[in-house]
Structure formats: C-alpha cells, structure tokens
Amino acid sequence: MADVEVHPGQRAVVELLGVLAYAELTAFDRLAEDARLAPTLDGRAALARMAAAEIAHHERLTARLHELGVDVVAAMTPFVAALDAFHDGTRASTWLEGLVKAYVGDGLATDFYREVAVFLPAPDRALVEEVLADSGHADFALREVRAAIAADPAVTGRLALWARRLVGEALTQSQAVMAEHDDLADLIISGTGDLTGVGALLQRITRAHMVRMDALGLPS
C-alpha cells in the first residue's frame, strides 16, 4: 500500500480497516445530507442518529489504525475514488431513495465486509464485526419504506429500479476495489479456499440481498 509502512502480513488488515474507515466517513456525510430530506422531524432525527453512529464507527477504526502505526489518511486514500464514484452516482433525490440506499445499499456492503471479517485475526475481526453490527437503524428504514409503499403502491416500481441501480453500482465499484488491491483480494481468495469459495460467498450475499428486498416489498 502506497505511503503505508506495515508488516506484509498485516497489509490486508490495514486495507480492510482503511476502506471501512472511509466508508463510515462517507456514510456520515450522506446520512447527514439525506436527513434534510426527511418529511418529519422524527425522521430527520432518526437519520441524524444514524450519522452519529457512523462517525463513532469511523473513530473506532481510525484509532485501531493508529495503534498499528499506520497513517490514517494514507490508509483511506486508495479507496476514495471508488467510494466517491459510487455515492456521486447514486445520490438520493428523495427521502425514500435515501432510506432504500441506507437499507439495501449499506446492507449489501455490510454483508460483504462481514464475510471478509471472518478471515481476519483477533482483535481486528471483533472490531470489524462490532462496527458492522446493526443497532436498529435498518429496522427504521424498513418500517418507513414499507409504510410508504402501503400508502402509495405506485412508488414500488420506482424504488425497485432504484434498488437495482444501487446494487449494480455497488458491484461495479467493489470489483474495481478488488482489482486494485491485491492484498485484500488475496485475503478473500485464501480465506474462502479458492474461486469456488468466492462464488459461494457472493451467492450468500445475493441471497441476503433478495431477503432484504422481499422485506421491503420490492421485487428483486
């Protein structure tokens, strides 16, 4: 990793912590921005609390990078272009789009990172699992979207198209990240055993996504 001096055996750990730290930072920015789209003060406060949780996770991850003697900015920088491209290309224009992005898009990313965390040594595995744990925010997004669909079924098609766009963009950017970061890719391949194992991992993520879409009442 450029500008990051770390033991070769820890490079994959640093890459995962780096991409997660930047992902949490951008999640804070996005949720704080999307909160302004809320039709009610309760909704605005709920997204603000989500944003606060994300920045707290960012702080936990950057603290661990400091413990490893890693420059935090250098660890995050290689992932800025890909993550910014995803968020710039999927900027929510409505309250419901923001909630679907928080539930479907963030859920997909969380599933992926949680799968990868299994291959990390202690204490980093526990740290990643902790920052990825849902604290009820997904349930809020789920309730709001389902209520909106029940009130106006006509929004179903538009939100389903939006969700599919989110998934397509997320997969494109994930592939770009893997192609550009060999240590992270090697961690996944060695952890799963081979390319067949990678395929099984992706199938699990896909099934979880379909369950999430069903929960929203959206066709996958």
C-alpha atoms as a PDB file:
ATOM      1  CA  MET A   1       0.000   0.000   0.000  1.00  0.00           C
ATOM      2  CA  ALA A   2       1.426   3.336  -1.022  1.00  0.00           C
ATOM      3  CA  ASP A   3       2.604   5.575   1.821  1.00  0.00           C
ATOM      4  CA  VAL A   4       1.720   2.959   4.450  1.00  0.00           C
ATOM      5  CA  GLU A   5       4.617   1.133   6.099  1.00  0.00           C
ATOM      6  CA  VAL A   6       3.252  -2.055   7.642  1.00  0.00           C
ATOM      7  CA  HIS A   7       4.273  -5.680   8.051  1.00  0.00           C
ATOM      8  CA  PRO A   8       3.345  -7.635   4.898  1.00  0.00           C
ATOM      9  CA  GLY A   9       1.140  -9.963   6.923  1.00  0.00           C
ATOM     10  CA  GLN A  10      -0.971  -7.000   8.058  1.00  0.00           C
ATOM     11  CA  ARG A  11      -1.446  -5.339   4.704  1.00  0.00           C
ATOM     12  CA  ALA A  12      -4.833  -6.927   4.087  1.00  0.00           C
ATOM     13  CA  VAL A  13      -5.966  -5.925   7.592  1.00  0.00           C
ATOM     14  CA  VAL A  14      -4.886  -2.342   7.003  1.00  0.00           C
ATOM     15  CA  GLU A  15      -6.620  -2.267   3.626  1.00  0.00           C
ATOM     16  CA  LEU A  16      -9.885  -3.526   5.097  1.00  0.00           C
ATOM     17  CA  LEU A  17      -9.726  -1.101   8.021  1.00  0.00           C
ATOM     18  CA  GLY A  18      -8.846   1.703   5.612  1.00  0.00           C
ATOM     19  CA  VAL A  19     -11.757   1.082   3.261  1.00  0.00           C
ATOM     20  CA  LEU A  20     -14.145   0.694   6.196  1.00  0.00           C
ATOM     21  CA  ALA A  21     -12.905   3.887   7.843  1.00  0.00           C
ATOM     22  CA  TYR A  22     -13.551   5.854   4.662  1.00  0.00           C
ATOM     23  CA  ALA A  23     -16.874   4.087   4.089  1.00  0.00           C
ATOM     24  CA  GLU A  24     -18.031   5.114   7.571  1.00  0.00           C
ATOM     25  CA  LEU A  25     -16.898   8.691   6.983  1.00  0.00           C
ATOM     26  CA  THR A  26     -18.798   8.941   3.705  1.00  0.00           C
ATOM     27  CA  ALA A  27     -21.830   7.270   5.309  1.00  0.00           C
ATOM     28  CA  PHE A  28     -21.848  10.027   7.912  1.00  0.00           C
ATOM     29  CA  ASP A  29     -21.759  12.697   5.209  1.00  0.00           C
ATOM     30  CA  ARG A  30     -24.515  11.036   3.194  1.00  0.00           C
ATOM     31  CA  LEU A  31     -26.875  10.355   6.081  1.00  0.00           C
ATOM     32  CA  ALA A  32     -26.451  13.874   7.440  1.00  0.00           C
ATOM     33  CA  GLU A  33     -27.306  15.212   3.991  1.00  0.00           C
ATOM     34  CA  ASP A  34     -30.245  12.829   3.481  1.00  0.00           C
ATOM     35  CA  ALA A  35     -31.664  13.788   6.872  1.00  0.00           C
ATOM     36  CA  ARG A  36     -32.548  17.155   5.345  1.00  0.00           C
ATOM     37  CA  LEU A  37     -34.954  15.334   3.007  1.00  0.00           C
ATOM     38  CA  ALA A  38     -36.997  13.924   5.892  1.00  0.00           C
ATOM     39  CA  PRO A  39     -40.685  14.884   5.795  1.00  0.00           C
ATOM     40  CA  THR A  40     -40.883  14.906   9.610  1.00  0.00           C
ATOM     41  CA  LEU A  41     -38.659  15.976  12.469  1.00  0.00           C
ATOM     42  CA  ASP A  42     -38.743  12.427  13.827  1.00  0.00           C
ATOM     43  CA  GLY A  43     -37.362  11.121  10.542  1.00  0.00           C
ATOM     44  CA  ARG A  44     -34.728  13.814  10.420  1.00  0.00           C
ATOM     45  CA  ALA A  45     -33.618  12.980  13.962  1.00  0.00           C
ATOM     46  CA  ALA A  46     -33.504   9.254  13.161  1.00  0.00           C
ATOM     47  CA  LEU A  47     -31.143   9.754  10.228  1.00  0.00           C
ATOM     48  CA  ALA A  48     -29.067  12.178  12.287  1.00  0.00           C
ATOM     49  CA  ARG A  49     -28.646   9.425  14.885  1.00  0.00           C
ATOM     50  CA  MET A  50     -27.585   7.030  12.128  1.00  0.00           C
ATOM     51  CA  ALA A  51     -24.996   9.566  11.006  1.00  0.00           C
ATOM     52  CA  ALA A  52     -23.709   9.930  14.569  1.00  0.00           C
ATOM     53  CA  ALA A  53     -23.288   6.155  14.821  1.00  0.00           C
ATOM     54  CA  GLU A  54     -21.313   6.086  11.578  1.00  0.00           C
ATOM     55  CA  ILE A  55     -18.837   8.738  12.715  1.00  0.00           C
ATOM     56  CA  ALA A  56     -18.409   6.857  16.000  1.00  0.00           C
ATOM     57  CA  HIS A  57     -17.537   3.741  13.991  1.00  0.00           C
ATOM     58  CA  HIS A  58     -15.089   5.798  11.934  1.00  0.00           C
ATOM     59  CA  GLU A  59     -13.362   6.896  15.140  1.00  0.00           C
ATOM     60  CA  ARG A  60     -13.037   3.293  16.346  1.00  0.00           C
ATOM     61  CA  LEU A  61     -11.455   2.201  13.072  1.00  0.00           C
ATOM     62  CA  THR A  62      -9.034   5.122  12.877  1.00  0.00           C
ATOM     63  CA  ALA A  63      -7.998   4.516  16.486  1.00  0.00           C
ATOM     64  CA  ARG A  64      -7.069   0.941  15.557  1.00  0.00           C
ATOM     65  CA  LEU A  65      -5.098   2.131  12.545  1.00  0.00           C
ATOM     66  CA  HIS A  66      -3.170   4.460  14.840  1.00  0.00           C
ATOM     67  CA  GLU A  67      -2.452   1.517  17.142  1.00  0.00           C
ATOM     68  CA  LEU A  68      -0.973  -0.317  14.169  1.00  0.00           C
ATOM     69  CA  GLY A  69       1.282   2.655  13.465  1.00  0.00           C
ATOM     70  CA  VAL A  70      -0.491   3.408  10.198  1.00  0.00           C
ATOM     71  CA  ASP A  71      -1.138   6.843   8.731  1.00  0.00           C
ATOM     72  CA  VAL A  72      -4.944   7.008   8.653  1.00  0.00           C
ATOM     73  CA  VAL A  73      -5.162   9.323   5.654  1.00  0.00           C
ATOM     74  CA  ALA A  74      -2.781   7.109   3.694  1.00  0.00           C
ATOM     75  CA  ALA A  75      -4.858   4.038   4.593  1.00  0.00           C
ATOM     76  CA  MET A  76      -8.111   5.621   3.414  1.00  0.00           C
ATOM     77  CA  THR A  77      -6.882   7.483   0.337  1.00  0.00           C
ATOM     78  CA  PRO A  78      -6.649   4.472  -2.042  1.00  0.00           C
ATOM     79  CA  PHE A  79     -10.391   3.921  -1.638  1.00  0.00           C
ATOM     80  CA  VAL A  80     -11.591   7.490  -2.029  1.00  0.00           C
ATOM     81  CA  ALA A  81     -12.092   7.424  -5.797  1.00  0.00           C
ATOM     82  CA  ALA A  82     -14.152   4.208  -5.878  1.00  0.00           C
ATOM     83  CA  LEU A  83     -16.392   5.052  -2.922  1.00  0.00           C
ATOM     84  CA  ASP A  84     -16.909   8.643  -4.036  1.00  0.00           C
ATOM     85  CA  ALA A  85     -17.808   7.424  -7.524  1.00  0.00           C
ATOM     86  CA  PHE A  86     -20.441   5.130  -6.037  1.00  0.00           C
ATOM     87  CA  HIS A  87     -22.012   7.805  -3.846  1.00  0.00           C
ATOM     88  CA  ASP A  88     -21.830  10.507  -6.514  1.00  0.00           C
ATOM     89  CA  GLY A  89     -23.541   8.163  -8.957  1.00  0.00           C
ATOM     90  CA  THR A  90     -26.274   7.161  -6.507  1.00  0.00           C
ATOM     91  CA  ARG A  91     -27.115  10.406  -4.752  1.00  0.00           C
ATOM     92  CA  ALA A  92     -30.651  10.177  -3.356  1.00  0.00           C
ATOM     93  CA  SER A  93     -33.096  12.768  -4.630  1.00  0.00           C
ATOM     94  CA  THR A  94     -35.960  11.862  -2.287  1.00  0.00           C
ATOM     95  CA  TRP A  95     -36.454  10.743   1.290  1.00  0.00           C
ATOM     96  CA  LEU A  96     -37.472   7.231   0.210  1.00  0.00           C
ATOM     97  CA  GLU A  97     -34.490   6.861  -2.108  1.00  0.00           C
ATOM     98  CA  GLY A  98     -32.224   7.778   0.792  1.00  0.00           C
ATOM     99  CA  LEU A  99     -33.841   5.159   3.018  1.00  0.00           C
ATOM    100  CA  VAL A 100     -33.611   2.450   0.356  1.00  0.00           C
ATOM    101  CA  LYS A 101     -29.964   3.302  -0.128  1.00  0.00           C
ATOM    102  CA  ALA A 102     -29.373   3.055   3.621  1.00  0.00           C
ATOM    103  CA  TYR A 103     -31.189  -0.287   3.828  1.00  0.00           C
ATOM    104  CA  VAL A 104     -30.287  -2.005   0.562  1.00  0.00           C
ATOM    105  CA  GLY A 105     -27.005  -0.382  -0.454  1.00  0.00           C
ATOM    106  CA  ASP A 106     -25.470  -0.253   3.005  1.00  0.00           C
ATOM    107  CA  GLY A 107     -26.842  -3.705   3.773  1.00  0.00           C
ATOM    108  CA  LEU A 108     -25.108  -5.184   0.743  1.00  0.00           C
ATOM    109  CA  ALA A 109     -21.800  -3.566   1.698  1.00  0.00           C
ATOM    110  CA  THR A 110     -22.168  -4.713   5.309  1.00  0.00           C
ATOM    111  CA  ASP A 111     -22.792  -8.299   4.212  1.00  0.00           C
ATOM    112  CA  PHE A 112     -19.630  -8.231   2.106  1.00  0.00           C
ATOM    113  CA  TYR A 113     -17.402  -6.732   4.793  1.00  0.00           C
ATOM    114  CA  ARG A 114     -18.816  -9.102   7.415  1.00  0.00           C
ATOM    115  CA  GLU A 115     -17.931 -12.067   5.202  1.00  0.00           C
ATOM    116  CA  VAL A 116     -14.376 -10.781   4.812  1.00  0.00           C
ATOM    117  CA  ALA A 117     -14.040 -10.073   8.546  1.00  0.00           C
ATOM    118  CA  VAL A 118     -14.249 -13.804   9.229  1.00  0.00           C
ATOM    119  CA  PHE A 119     -10.754 -14.154   7.764  1.00  0.00           C
ATOM    120  CA  LEU A 120      -9.173 -11.509   9.997  1.00  0.00           C
ATOM    121  CA  PRO A 121      -7.126 -12.308  13.109  1.00  0.00           C
ATOM    122  CA  ALA A 122      -8.038 -11.004  16.564  1.00  0.00           C
ATOM    123  CA  PRO A 123      -8.650  -8.288  17.627  1.00  0.00           C
ATOM    124  CA  ASP A 124      -9.471  -6.856  14.211  1.00  0.00           C
ATOM    125  CA  ARG A 125     -12.154  -9.398  13.433  1.00  0.00           C
ATOM    126  CA  ALA A 126     -14.100  -8.418  16.555  1.00  0.00           C
ATOM    127  CA  LEU A 127     -13.653  -4.717  15.804  1.00  0.00           C
ATOM    128  CA  VAL A 128     -14.989  -5.012  12.261  1.00  0.00           C
ATOM    129  CA  GLU A 129     -17.927  -7.147  13.392  1.00  0.00           C
ATOM    130  CA  GLU A 130     -18.698  -4.572  16.090  1.00  0.00           C
ATOM    131  CA  VAL A 131     -18.771  -1.576  13.747  1.00  0.00           C
ATOM    132  CA  LEU A 132     -20.881  -3.522  11.257  1.00  0.00           C
ATOM    133  CA  ALA A 133     -23.466  -4.616  13.819  1.00  0.00           C
ATOM    134  CA  ASP A 134     -26.932  -3.185  13.236  1.00  0.00           C
ATOM    135  CA  SER A 135     -28.198  -1.042  16.094  1.00  0.00           C
ATOM    136  CA  GLY A 136     -31.790  -0.814  14.876  1.00  0.00           C
ATOM    137  CA  HIS A 137     -31.204   1.690  12.084  1.00  0.00           C
ATOM    138  CA  ALA A 138     -32.074  -0.841   9.387  1.00  0.00           C
ATOM    139  CA  ASP A 139     -35.400  -1.509  11.092  1.00  0.00           C
ATOM    140  CA  PHE A 140     -36.250   2.199  10.952  1.00  0.00           C
ATOM    141  CA  ALA A 141     -35.573   2.365   7.208  1.00  0.00           C
ATOM    142  CA  LEU A 142     -37.557  -0.835   6.668  1.00  0.00           C
ATOM    143  CA  ARG A 143     -40.591   0.452   8.552  1.00  0.00           C
ATOM    144  CA  GLU A 144     -40.570   3.801   6.770  1.00  0.00           C
ATOM    145  CA  VAL A 145     -40.311   2.334   3.272  1.00  0.00           C
ATOM    146  CA  ARG A 146     -42.920  -0.345   3.887  1.00  0.00           C
ATOM    147  CA  ALA A 147     -45.318   2.250   5.273  1.00  0.00           C
ATOM    148  CA  ALA A 148     -44.750   4.459   2.227  1.00  0.00           C
ATOM    149  CA  ILE A 149     -45.423   1.555  -0.143  1.00  0.00           C
ATOM    150  CA  ALA A 150     -48.584   0.619   1.753  1.00  0.00           C
ATOM    151  CA  ALA A 151     -49.774   4.222   1.498  1.00  0.00           C
ATOM    152  CA  ASP A 152     -48.904   4.551  -2.188  1.00  0.00           C
ATOM    153  CA  PRO A 153     -48.195   1.257  -4.026  1.00  0.00           C
ATOM    154  CA  ALA A 154     -47.308   3.249  -7.144  1.00  0.00           C
ATOM    155  CA  VAL A 155     -43.864   4.002  -5.680  1.00  0.00           C
ATOM    156  CA  THR A 156     -42.952   0.295  -5.706  1.00  0.00           C
ATOM    157  CA  GLY A 157     -41.693   0.161  -9.278  1.00  0.00           C
ATOM    158  CA  ARG A 158     -39.579   3.293  -8.987  1.00  0.00           C
ATOM    159  CA  LEU A 159     -37.989   2.157  -5.733  1.00  0.00           C
ATOM    160  CA  ALA A 160     -37.305  -1.319  -7.156  1.00  0.00           C
ATOM    161  CA  LEU A 161     -35.486   0.227 -10.105  1.00  0.00           C
ATOM    162  CA  TRP A 162     -33.527   2.438  -7.719  1.00  0.00           C
ATOM    163  CA  ALA A 163     -32.537  -0.565  -5.585  1.00  0.00           C
ATOM    164  CA  ARG A 164     -31.333  -2.476  -8.656  1.00  0.00           C
ATOM    165  CA  ARG A 165     -29.293   0.526  -9.715  1.00  0.00           C
ATOM    166  CA  LEU A 166     -27.705   0.685  -6.263  1.00  0.00           C
ATOM    167  CA  VAL A 167     -26.725  -2.973  -6.431  1.00  0.00           C
ATOM    168  CA  GLY A 168     -25.285  -2.645  -9.929  1.00  0.00           C
ATOM    169  CA  GLU A 169     -23.194   0.375  -8.964  1.00  0.00           C
ATOM    170  CA  ALA A 170     -22.047  -1.282  -5.730  1.00  0.00           C
ATOM    171  CA  LEU A 171     -20.896  -4.422  -7.525  1.00  0.00           C
ATOM    172  CA  THR A 172     -19.047  -2.382 -10.148  1.00  0.00           C
ATOM    173  CA  GLN A 173     -17.156  -0.391  -7.555  1.00  0.00           C
ATOM    174  CA  SER A 174     -16.440  -3.480  -5.428  1.00  0.00           C
ATOM    175  CA  GLN A 175     -14.875  -5.202  -8.406  1.00  0.00           C
ATOM    176  CA  ALA A 176     -12.745  -2.126  -9.049  1.00  0.00           C
ATOM    177  CA  VAL A 177     -11.536  -2.103  -5.443  1.00  0.00           C
ATOM    178  CA  MET A 178     -10.639  -5.797  -5.544  1.00  0.00           C
ATOM    179  CA  ALA A 179      -8.804  -5.401  -8.856  1.00  0.00           C
ATOM    180  CA  GLU A 180      -6.682  -2.556  -7.490  1.00  0.00           C
ATOM    181  CA  HIS A 181      -5.859  -4.034  -4.058  1.00  0.00           C
ATOM    182  CA  ASP A 182      -4.120  -7.379  -4.300  1.00  0.00           C
ATOM    183  CA  ASP A 183      -3.707  -7.949  -0.559  1.00  0.00           C
ATOM    184  CA  LEU A 184      -7.413  -7.582   0.071  1.00  0.00           C
ATOM    185  CA  ALA A 185      -8.242  -9.809  -2.881  1.00  0.00           C
ATOM    186  CA  ASP A 186      -5.727 -12.417  -1.685  1.00  0.00           C
ATOM    187  CA  LEU A 187      -7.311 -12.370   1.791  1.00  0.00           C
ATOM    188  CA  ILE A 188     -10.706 -13.201   0.297  1.00  0.00           C
ATOM    189  CA  ILE A 189      -9.405 -15.908  -2.030  1.00  0.00           C
ATOM    190  CA  SER A 190      -7.219 -17.566   0.599  1.00  0.00           C
ATOM    191  CA  GLY A 191      -9.964 -17.289   3.210  1.00  0.00           C
ATOM    192  CA  THR A 192     -12.615 -18.896   1.021  1.00  0.00           C
ATOM    193  CA  GLY A 193     -10.165 -21.513  -0.255  1.00  0.00           C
ATOM    194  CA  ASP A 194     -10.460 -20.916  -3.995  1.00  0.00           C
ATOM    195  CA  LEU A 195     -12.579 -19.225  -6.647  1.00  0.00           C
ATOM    196  CA  THR A 196     -15.386 -21.685  -5.937  1.00  0.00           C
ATOM    197  CA  GLY A 197     -15.398 -20.423  -2.369  1.00  0.00           C
ATOM    198  CA  VAL A 198     -15.518 -16.841  -3.616  1.00  0.00           C
ATOM    199  CA  GLY A 199     -18.527 -17.776  -5.727  1.00  0.00           C
ATOM    200  CA  ALA A 200     -20.266 -19.261  -2.685  1.00  0.00           C
ATOM    201  CA  LEU A 201     -19.553 -16.063  -0.747  1.00  0.00           C
ATOM    202  CA  LEU A 202     -21.141 -13.970  -3.476  1.00  0.00           C
ATOM    203  CA  GLN A 203     -24.155 -16.276  -3.553  1.00  0.00           C
ATOM    204  CA  ARG A 204     -24.678 -15.769   0.175  1.00  0.00           C
ATOM    205  CA  ILE A 205     -24.543 -12.007  -0.297  1.00  0.00           C
ATOM    206  CA  THR A 206     -27.003 -12.240  -3.188  1.00  0.00           C
ATOM    207  CA  ARG A 207     -29.442 -14.326  -1.137  1.00  0.00           C
ATOM    208  CA  ALA A 208     -29.247 -11.861   1.729  1.00  0.00           C
ATOM    209  CA  HIS A 209     -29.974  -9.033  -0.709  1.00  0.00           C
ATOM    210  CA  MET A 210     -33.039 -10.843  -2.047  1.00  0.00           C
ATOM    211  CA  VAL A 211     -34.314 -11.352   1.502  1.00  0.00           C
ATOM    212  CA  ARG A 212     -33.832  -7.636   2.154  1.00  0.00           C
ATOM    213  CA  MET A 213     -35.759  -6.700  -0.991  1.00  0.00           C
ATOM    214  CA  ASP A 214     -38.588  -9.063  -0.045  1.00  0.00           C
ATOM    215  CA  ALA A 215     -38.746  -7.478   3.391  1.00  0.00           C
ATOM    216  CA  LEU A 216     -39.208  -4.082   1.750  1.00  0.00           C
ATOM    217  CA  GLY A 217     -41.924  -5.456  -0.507  1.00  0.00           C
ATOM    218  CA  LEU A 218     -39.859  -4.770  -3.612  1.00  0.00           C
ATOM    219  CA  PRO A 219     -39.251  -7.232  -6.469  1.00  0.00           C
ATOM    220  CA  SER A 220     -35.585  -8.245  -6.707  1.00  0.00           C
END
